[in-house]
Amino acid sequence: MCQAINQLLVDEMEQCLQKSFPKGEFEITDGEDGMHLSVKVTAADFKNKTLIEQHKMVYAAFDELIKSGELHSINIKTSAL
């Protein structure tokens, strides 16, 4: 059974990203199946970092949401400002 992504979760994710990347740009959208989220993060923090390092930084921002089970599946795209 599919259900829409919880707006409260999206709001919490935006707060996490804002805290970790204060000058970054973010976009959080529903995935194609309506159950998974896609996150685009553009931040100066990513400069000279590998793609894997960038993604680890995003996962670190969501650490508490992942540990709590609120967030379990995301598609991440990153780029440096």
Protein backbone atom coordinates (compact mmCIF):
# COMPACT_ATOMS: atom_id res chain seq x y z
CA MET A 1 0.00 0.00 0.00
CA CYS A 2 1.42 3.37 -1.03
CA GLN A 3 1.03 6.47 1.06
CA ALA A 4 2.12 10.05 0.57
CA ILE A 5 5.35 11.20 2.14
CA ASN A 6 4.81 12.75 5.56
CA GLN A 7 5.21 16.55 5.37
CA LEU A 8 6.43 16.60 8.97
CA LEU A 9 9.32 14.33 7.96
CA VAL A 10 10.16 16.60 5.03
CA ASP A 11 10.16 19.60 7.38
CA GLU A 12 12.48 17.77 9.80
CA MET A 13 14.79 16.87 6.91
CA GLU A 14 14.93 20.51 5.79
CA GLN A 15 15.86 21.55 9.33
CA CYS A 16 18.65 18.95 9.43
CA LEU A 17 20.02 20.15 6.09
CA GLN A 18 19.81 23.80 7.12
CA LYS A 19 21.74 23.02 10.30
CA SER A 20 24.45 21.03 8.49
CA PHE A 21 24.69 23.22 5.38
CA PRO A 22 23.59 26.74 6.47
CA LYS A 23 24.46 28.35 3.14
CA GLY A 24 23.36 25.41 1.02
CA GLU A 25 20.45 25.00 -1.35
CA PHE A 26 18.05 22.07 -0.91
CA GLU A 27 15.25 20.38 -2.75
CA ILE A 28 13.31 17.46 -1.28
CA THR A 29 10.78 15.74 -3.52
CA ASP A 30 8.72 12.56 -3.57
CA GLY A 31 10.30 9.76 -5.51
CA GLU A 32 8.59 8.32 -8.55
CA ASP A 33 6.78 5.69 -6.48
CA GLY A 34 5.37 8.17 -3.96
CA MET A 35 7.05 6.41 -1.04
CA HIS A 36 10.72 7.35 -1.34
CA LEU A 37 12.31 10.76 -1.19
CA SER A 38 14.82 12.40 -3.48
CA VAL A 39 17.14 15.03 -2.04
CA LYS A 40 19.25 17.51 -3.99
CA VAL A 41 21.84 19.42 -1.98
CA THR A 42 24.13 22.10 -3.37
CA ALA A 43 26.69 23.40 -0.91
CA ALA A 44 30.13 24.97 -0.81
CA ASP A 45 31.04 22.32 1.78
CA PHE A 46 31.24 19.79 -1.07
CA LYS A 47 34.06 21.56 -2.88
CA ASN A 48 37.04 19.21 -3.40
CA LYS A 49 35.08 16.28 -1.90
CA THR A 50 34.41 13.04 -3.73
CA LEU A 51 30.83 12.05 -4.48
CA ILE A 52 31.00 9.42 -1.75
CA GLU A 53 32.26 12.00 0.78
CA GLN A 54 29.45 14.36 -0.23
CA HIS A 55 26.81 11.67 0.23
CA LYS A 56 28.28 10.68 3.61
CA MET A 57 27.94 14.31 4.69
CA VAL A 58 24.25 14.30 3.73
CA TYR A 59 23.66 10.99 5.52
CA ALA A 60 25.38 12.45 8.60
CA ALA A 61 22.94 15.36 8.52
CA PHE A 62 20.08 12.84 8.69
CA ASP A 63 21.73 10.63 11.32
CA GLU A 64 19.05 11.00 14.01
CA LEU A 65 16.19 10.52 11.52
CA ILE A 66 17.83 7.36 10.20
CA LYS A 67 18.57 5.97 13.67
CA SER A 68 14.98 6.59 14.77
CA GLY A 69 13.62 4.80 11.71
CA GLU A 70 11.71 7.86 10.50
CA LEU A 71 13.90 7.99 7.39
CA HIS A 72 14.96 4.79 5.73
CA SER A 73 15.32 5.36 2.01
CA ILE A 74 16.49 8.41 0.08
CA ASN A 75 17.96 9.18 -3.30
CA ILE A 76 20.75 11.76 -2.96
CA LYS A 77 22.17 14.13 -5.55
CA THR A 78 24.89 16.58 -4.54
CA SER A 79 26.90 19.34 -6.15
CA ALA A 80 29.29 22.03 -4.97
CA LEU A 81 28.45 25.74 -5.10
